[in-house]
């Protein structure tokens, strides 16, 4: 029955009948409050940003690894849910031993050409064996 209600709700959202979709999803969530799909779909059918945030947070409580809920929350509330950019790793010790910086040209760096290529590439971490 829950699959049928989910399918009906999805079709109603696609047709623009959010009110009917909300009614179906409310019924489904009343029967099964742990239904992550229902909470996610309800986030698409509600009227306000606050309501959508609430639905997505409920889905995330039930499934903390739900990447779609996290992405949507970051869009709705970037200050609260935006993922910080990861810090690039520190240069490898071998690069520091050679006295080179990433911005050095090969001629200025006393490292081997292979090490220089590795340390000036944009991919981290370096394998400086």
N, C-alpha and C. Protein backbone atom coordinates (compact mmCIF):
# COMPACT_ATOMS: atom_id res chain seq x y z
N UNK A 1 0.82 -1.20 0.00
CA UNK A 1 0.00 0.00 0.00
C UNK A 1 0.86 1.26 0.00
N UNK A 2 1.98 1.23 0.75
CA UNK A 2 2.81 2.44 0.83
C UNK A 2 3.41 2.78 -0.53
N UNK A 3 3.79 1.77 -1.32
CA UNK A 3 4.34 2.02 -2.66
C UNK A 3 3.29 2.67 -3.55
N UNK A 4 2.05 2.22 -3.41
CA UNK A 4 0.97 2.78 -4.21
C UNK A 4 0.73 4.24 -3.84
N UNK A 5 0.73 4.53 -2.54
CA UNK A 5 0.54 5.92 -2.11
C UNK A 5 1.69 6.81 -2.56
N UNK A 6 2.91 6.29 -2.48
CA UNK A 6 4.07 7.05 -2.95
C UNK A 6 3.96 7.35 -4.45
N UNK A 7 3.58 6.36 -5.21
CA UNK A 7 3.43 6.53 -6.65
C UNK A 7 2.33 7.54 -6.97
N UNK A 8 1.20 7.43 -6.28
CA UNK A 8 0.11 8.38 -6.49
C UNK A 8 0.54 9.80 -6.12
N UNK A 9 1.24 9.93 -5.01
CA UNK A 9 1.70 11.26 -4.58
C UNK A 9 2.67 11.84 -5.60
N UNK A 10 3.59 11.03 -6.09
CA UNK A 10 4.55 11.50 -7.09
C UNK A 10 3.83 11.98 -8.35
N UNK A 11 2.84 11.23 -8.79
CA UNK A 11 2.07 11.61 -9.98
C UNK A 11 1.32 12.93 -9.75
N UNK A 12 0.78 13.09 -8.56
CA UNK A 12 0.07 14.34 -8.24
C UNK A 12 1.03 15.53 -8.24
N UNK A 13 2.24 15.34 -7.73
CA UNK A 13 3.23 16.42 -7.74
C UNK A 13 3.58 16.78 -9.18
N UNK A 14 3.76 15.78 -10.01
CA UNK A 14 4.09 16.02 -11.42
C UNK A 14 2.97 16.76 -12.14
N UNK A 15 1.74 16.50 -11.75
CA UNK A 15 0.59 17.18 -12.37
C UNK A 15 0.36 18.57 -11.76
N UNK A 16 1.08 18.86 -10.68
CA UNK A 16 0.90 20.17 -10.03
C UNK A 16 -0.14 20.18 -8.94
N UNK A 17 -0.64 19.01 -8.56
CA UNK A 17 -1.65 18.92 -7.51
C UNK A 17 -0.97 18.63 -6.17
N UNK A 18 -0.29 19.65 -5.65
CA UNK A 18 0.46 19.50 -4.41
C UNK A 18 -0.47 19.19 -3.23
N UNK A 19 -1.65 19.76 -3.25
CA UNK A 19 -2.58 19.55 -2.14
C UNK A 19 -2.96 18.07 -2.00
N UNK A 20 -3.28 17.44 -3.10
CA UNK A 20 -3.62 16.00 -3.07
C UNK A 20 -2.39 15.18 -2.68
N UNK A 21 -1.22 15.55 -3.21
CA UNK A 21 0.01 14.84 -2.87
C UNK A 21 0.28 14.94 -1.37
N UNK A 22 0.10 16.13 -0.81
CA UNK A 22 0.31 16.30 0.64
C UNK A 22 -0.64 15.42 1.44
N UNK A 23 -1.88 15.33 1.01
CA UNK A 23 -2.86 14.50 1.73
C UNK A 23 -2.44 13.03 1.70
N UNK A 24 -2.03 12.57 0.54
CA UNK A 24 -1.59 11.17 0.43
C UNK A 24 -0.35 10.91 1.28
N UNK A 25 0.59 11.83 1.23
CA UNK A 25 1.84 11.65 1.99
C UNK A 25 1.61 11.77 3.49
N UNK A 26 0.68 12.64 3.89
CA UNK A 26 0.33 12.75 5.31
C UNK A 26 -0.25 11.43 5.81
N UNK A 27 -1.11 10.83 4.99
CA UNK A 27 -1.69 9.52 5.34
C UNK A 27 -0.59 8.47 5.47
N UNK A 28 0.31 8.47 4.53
CA UNK A 28 1.40 7.50 4.53
C UNK A 28 2.32 7.69 5.74
N UNK A 29 2.66 8.92 6.04
CA UNK A 29 3.55 9.20 7.17
C UNK A 29 2.85 8.89 8.50
N UNK A 30 1.55 9.09 8.55
CA UNK A 30 0.79 8.74 9.76
C UNK A 30 0.87 7.23 10.00
N UNK A 31 0.80 6.45 8.92
CA UNK A 31 0.88 4.99 9.03
C UNK A 31 2.32 4.53 9.30
N UNK A 32 3.28 5.22 8.69
CA UNK A 32 4.69 4.82 8.81
C UNK A 32 5.57 6.06 8.92
N UNK A 33 5.74 6.60 10.12
CA UNK A 33 6.52 7.83 10.27
C UNK A 33 8.01 7.67 9.96
N UNK A 34 8.46 6.45 9.75
CA UNK A 34 9.88 6.21 9.45
C UNK A 34 10.12 6.03 7.94
N UNK A 35 9.17 6.39 7.13
CA UNK A 35 9.27 6.23 5.68
C UNK A 35 10.04 7.43 5.10
N UNK A 36 11.30 7.22 4.82
CA UNK A 36 12.19 8.28 4.33
C UNK A 36 11.71 8.81 2.99
N UNK A 37 11.28 7.92 2.10
CA UNK A 37 10.82 8.36 0.78
C UNK A 37 9.62 9.29 0.89
N UNK A 38 8.74 9.00 1.82
CA UNK A 38 7.56 9.85 2.00
C UNK A 38 7.97 11.24 2.48
N UNK A 39 8.90 11.32 3.42
CA UNK A 39 9.38 12.61 3.90
C UNK A 39 10.06 13.39 2.78
N UNK A 40 10.85 12.70 1.96
CA UNK A 40 11.54 13.37 0.86
C UNK A 40 10.54 13.90 -0.16
N UNK A 41 9.54 13.10 -0.48
CA UNK A 41 8.54 13.53 -1.44
C UNK A 41 7.68 14.66 -0.88
N UNK A 42 7.39 14.59 0.40
CA UNK A 42 6.62 15.66 1.03
C UNK A 42 7.37 16.99 0.97
N UNK A 43 8.70 16.93 1.04
CA UNK A 43 9.50 18.15 0.92
C UNK A 43 9.27 18.84 -0.43
N UNK A 44 8.92 18.06 -1.44
CA UNK A 44 8.65 18.63 -2.76
C UNK A 44 7.23 19.18 -2.87
N UNK A 45 6.33 18.73 -1.99
CA UNK A 45 4.92 19.08 -2.11
C UNK A 45 4.48 20.21 -1.19
N UNK A 46 5.30 20.56 -0.22
CA UNK A 46 4.89 21.60 0.74
C UNK A 46 5.03 23.00 0.14
N UNK A 47 4.46 23.98 0.85
CA UNK A 47 4.39 25.35 0.32
C UNK A 47 5.55 26.24 0.71
N UNK A 48 6.16 25.98 1.86
CA UNK A 48 7.17 26.93 2.34
C UNK A 48 8.54 26.29 2.51
N UNK A 49 9.52 27.14 2.51
CA UNK A 49 10.90 26.71 2.73
C UNK A 49 11.05 26.05 4.12
N UNK A 50 10.38 26.60 5.10
CA UNK A 50 10.44 26.05 6.46
C UNK A 50 9.84 24.65 6.52
N UNK A 51 8.74 24.44 5.82
CA UNK A 51 8.11 23.12 5.80
C UNK A 51 9.01 22.12 5.08
N UNK A 52 9.60 22.55 3.97
CA UNK A 52 10.50 21.67 3.23
C UNK A 52 11.71 21.31 4.09
N UNK A 53 12.25 22.29 4.79
CA UNK A 53 13.39 22.04 5.68
C UNK A 53 13.02 21.02 6.74
N UNK A 54 11.85 21.17 7.34
CA UNK A 54 11.40 20.23 8.36
C UNK A 54 11.33 18.81 7.80
N UNK A 55 10.74 18.66 6.62
CA UNK A 55 10.61 17.32 6.00
C UNK A 55 11.97 16.71 5.72
N UNK A 56 12.87 17.51 5.18
CA UNK A 56 14.21 17.01 4.86
C UNK A 56 14.98 16.63 6.13
N UNK A 57 14.80 17.42 7.18
CA UNK A 57 15.46 17.09 8.45
C UNK A 57 14.92 15.78 9.02
N UNK A 58 13.61 15.54 8.85
CA UNK A 58 13.04 14.26 9.31
C UNK A 58 13.65 13.10 8.52
N UNK A 59 13.77 13.28 7.22
CA UNK A 59 14.37 12.23 6.38
C UNK A 59 15.81 11.99 6.79
N UNK A 60 16.53 13.06 7.11
CA UNK A 60 17.93 12.94 7.49
C UNK A 60 18.08 12.28 8.87
N UNK A 61 17.15 12.52 9.77
CA UNK A 61 17.19 11.84 11.07
C UNK A 61 17.04 10.33 10.90
N UNK A 62 16.18 9.95 9.96
CA UNK A 62 15.95 8.53 9.71
C UNK A 62 17.06 7.88 8.91
N UNK A 63 17.69 8.67 8.04
CA UNK A 63 18.77 8.17 7.18
C UNK A 63 19.87 9.23 7.11
N UNK A 64 20.79 9.23 8.10
CA UNK A 64 21.83 10.27 8.16
C UNK A 64 22.76 10.31 6.94
N UNK A 65 22.79 9.26 6.15
CA UNK A 65 23.66 9.26 4.98
C UNK A 65 22.91 9.67 3.70
N UNK A 66 21.72 10.21 3.84
CA UNK A 66 20.91 10.59 2.69
C UNK A 66 21.51 11.84 2.03
N UNK A 67 22.28 11.62 0.98
CA UNK A 67 22.99 12.73 0.33
C UNK A 67 22.05 13.69 -0.37
N UNK A 68 20.93 13.21 -0.85
CA UNK A 68 19.97 14.10 -1.51
C UNK A 68 19.37 15.07 -0.50
N UNK A 69 19.00 14.57 0.67
CA UNK A 69 18.46 15.45 1.71
C UNK A 69 19.49 16.49 2.11
N UNK A 70 20.74 16.07 2.25
CA UNK A 70 21.81 17.02 2.60
C UNK A 70 21.98 18.08 1.52
N UNK A 71 21.96 17.68 0.27
CA UNK A 71 22.11 18.65 -0.83
C UNK A 71 20.96 19.64 -0.85
N UNK A 72 19.74 19.14 -0.69
CA UNK A 72 18.58 20.03 -0.71
C UNK A 72 18.61 20.98 0.49
N UNK A 73 19.01 20.48 1.65
CA UNK A 73 19.10 21.35 2.83
C UNK A 73 20.17 22.42 2.63
N UNK A 74 21.26 22.06 1.99
CA UNK A 74 22.31 23.04 1.73
C UNK A 74 21.82 24.12 0.77
N UNK A 75 20.95 23.77 -0.15
CA UNK A 75 20.38 24.75 -1.06
C UNK A 75 19.38 25.65 -0.33
N UNK A 76 18.54 25.05 0.50
CA UNK A 76 17.53 25.82 1.22
C UNK A 76 18.13 26.69 2.33
N UNK A 77 19.13 26.17 3.01
CA UNK A 77 19.72 26.85 4.16
C UNK A 77 21.24 26.77 4.09
N UNK A 78 21.87 27.49 3.15
CA UNK A 78 23.32 27.34 2.96
C UNK A 78 24.15 27.67 4.19
N UNK A 79 23.73 28.63 4.98
CA UNK A 79 24.52 28.99 6.16
C UNK A 79 24.55 27.86 7.18
N UNK A 80 23.48 27.10 7.25
CA UNK A 80 23.40 26.04 8.25
C UNK A 80 23.92 24.69 7.75
N UNK A 81 23.74 24.41 6.46
CA UNK A 81 24.03 23.07 5.97
C UNK A 81 25.14 22.99 4.93
N UNK A 82 25.69 24.11 4.52
CA UNK A 82 26.74 24.06 3.50
C UNK A 82 27.95 23.30 4.03
N UNK A 83 28.49 22.46 3.19
CA UNK A 83 29.67 21.68 3.55
C UNK A 83 30.91 22.53 3.28
N UNK A 84 31.79 22.68 4.26
CA UNK A 84 32.99 23.48 4.03
C UNK A 84 33.91 22.79 3.02
N UNK A 85 34.63 23.61 2.28
CA UNK A 85 35.60 23.07 1.33
C UNK A 85 36.72 22.40 2.11
N UNK A 86 37.12 21.20 1.72
CA UNK A 86 38.20 20.54 2.45
C UNK A 86 39.53 21.26 2.23
N UNK A 87 40.34 21.27 3.26
CA UNK A 87 41.68 21.86 3.18
C UNK A 87 42.56 20.93 2.36
N UNK A 88 43.37 21.48 1.45
CA UNK A 88 44.29 20.59 0.73
C UNK A 88 45.34 20.06 1.70
N UNK A 89 45.80 18.85 1.47
CA UNK A 89 46.81 18.30 2.37
C UNK A 89 48.11 19.09 2.28
N UNK A 90 48.88 18.98 3.32
CA UNK A 90 50.18 19.64 3.34
C UNK A 90 51.09 19.01 2.31
N UNK A 91 52.05 19.78 1.80
CA UNK A 91 53.01 19.20 0.85
C UNK A 91 53.75 18.05 1.51
N UNK A 92 54.18 17.09 0.72
CA UNK A 92 54.89 15.95 1.30
C UNK A 92 56.23 16.36 1.88
N UNK A 93 56.67 15.58 2.84
CA UNK A 93 57.94 15.86 3.49
C UNK A 93 59.09 15.86 2.50
N UNK A 94 59.03 14.97 1.50
CA UNK A 94 60.12 14.89 0.52
C UNK A 94 60.25 16.21 -0.23
N UNK A 95 59.13 16.84 -0.50
CA UNK A 95 59.17 18.12 -1.20
C UNK A 95 59.83 19.18 -0.33
N UNK A 96 59.52 19.17 0.94
CA UNK A 96 60.10 20.15 1.85
C UNK A 96 61.60 19.92 2.03
N UNK A 97 62.02 18.65 2.05
CA UNK A 97 63.44 18.33 2.19
C UNK A 97 64.25 18.88 1.02
N UNK A 98 63.65 18.85 -0.15
CA UNK A 98 64.35 19.31 -1.34
C UNK A 98 64.43 20.83 -1.39
N UNK A 99 63.71 21.52 -0.51
CA UNK A 99 63.74 22.98 -0.49
C UNK A 99 62.99 23.61 -1.64
N UNK A 100 61.96 22.94 -2.12
CA UNK A 100 61.22 23.43 -3.27
C UNK A 100 59.82 23.84 -2.83
N UNK A 101 59.26 24.77 -3.59
CA UNK A 101 57.87 25.16 -3.40
C UNK A 101 57.10 24.75 -4.65
N UNK A 102 55.80 24.62 -4.50
CA UNK A 102 54.98 24.24 -5.66
C UNK A 102 55.14 25.23 -6.80
N UNK A 103 55.40 26.49 -6.48
CA UNK A 103 55.49 27.51 -7.52
C UNK A 103 56.86 27.56 -8.19
N UNK A 104 57.85 26.84 -7.66
CA UNK A 104 59.19 26.85 -8.26
C UNK A 104 59.17 26.20 -9.64
N UNK A 105 60.00 26.73 -10.51
CA UNK A 105 60.18 26.09 -11.81
C UNK A 105 61.13 24.91 -11.62
N UNK A 106 61.17 24.03 -12.57
CA UNK A 106 62.05 22.87 -12.50
C UNK A 106 63.50 23.32 -12.36
N UNK A 107 63.88 24.38 -13.06
CA UNK A 107 65.27 24.87 -13.00
C UNK A 107 65.64 25.36 -11.61
N UNK A 108 64.70 25.95 -10.87
CA UNK A 108 64.97 26.48 -9.53
C UNK A 108 64.92 25.42 -8.45
N UNK A 109 64.32 24.29 -8.76
CA UNK A 109 64.12 23.24 -7.76
C UNK A 109 65.23 22.20 -7.90
N UNK A 110 65.80 21.84 -6.78
CA UNK A 110 66.88 20.86 -6.81
C UNK A 110 66.35 19.43 -6.78
N UNK A 111 65.04 19.28 -6.75
CA UNK A 111 64.45 17.94 -6.72
C UNK A 111 64.58 17.28 -8.09
N UNK A 112 64.40 15.99 -8.08
CA UNK A 112 64.43 15.26 -9.35
C UNK A 112 63.24 15.71 -10.20
N UNK A 113 63.35 15.59 -11.52
CA UNK A 113 62.23 15.99 -12.38
C UNK A 113 60.92 15.27 -12.02
N UNK A 114 61.01 13.99 -11.66
CA UNK A 114 59.81 13.26 -11.30
C UNK A 114 59.17 13.85 -10.05
N UNK A 115 59.97 14.17 -9.05
CA UNK A 115 59.44 14.77 -7.83
C UNK A 115 58.84 16.13 -8.14
N UNK A 116 59.52 16.91 -8.99
CA UNK A 116 59.00 18.23 -9.33
C UNK A 116 57.63 18.12 -10.01
N UNK A 117 57.49 17.16 -10.93
CA UNK A 117 56.21 16.96 -11.62
C UNK A 117 55.14 16.59 -10.60
N UNK A 118 55.49 15.69 -9.70
CA UNK A 118 54.53 15.27 -8.68
C UNK A 118 54.13 16.42 -7.78
N UNK A 119 55.10 17.23 -7.38
CA UNK A 119 54.78 18.29 -6.42
C UNK A 119 54.11 19.49 -7.06
N UNK A 120 54.19 19.63 -8.37
CA UNK A 120 53.52 20.74 -9.02
C UNK A 120 52.20 20.33 -9.66
N UNK A 121 51.87 19.05 -9.58
CA UNK A 121 50.60 18.62 -10.11
C UNK A 121 49.49 19.09 -9.18
N UNK A 122 48.28 19.14 -9.68
CA UNK A 122 47.18 19.60 -8.86
C UNK A 122 46.58 18.49 -8.02
N UNK A 123 46.98 17.27 -8.26
CA UNK A 123 46.40 16.19 -7.48
C UNK A 123 47.24 15.92 -6.23
N UNK A 124 46.56 15.76 -5.14
CA UNK A 124 47.17 15.39 -3.87
C UNK A 124 46.63 14.04 -3.51
N UNK A 125 47.15 13.28 -2.61
CA UNK A 125 48.48 13.46 -2.02
C UNK A 125 49.55 12.99 -2.99
N UNK A 126 50.76 13.42 -2.73
CA UNK A 126 51.88 13.05 -3.57
C UNK A 126 52.44 11.71 -3.12
N UNK A 127 52.94 10.98 -4.08
CA UNK A 127 53.65 9.75 -3.76
C UNK A 127 55.11 9.99 -4.14
N UNK A 128 55.90 10.39 -3.19
CA UNK A 128 57.28 10.81 -3.46
C UNK A 128 58.27 9.74 -3.02
N UNK A 129 58.14 8.58 -3.55
CA UNK A 129 59.09 7.52 -3.19
C UNK A 129 60.33 7.61 -4.03
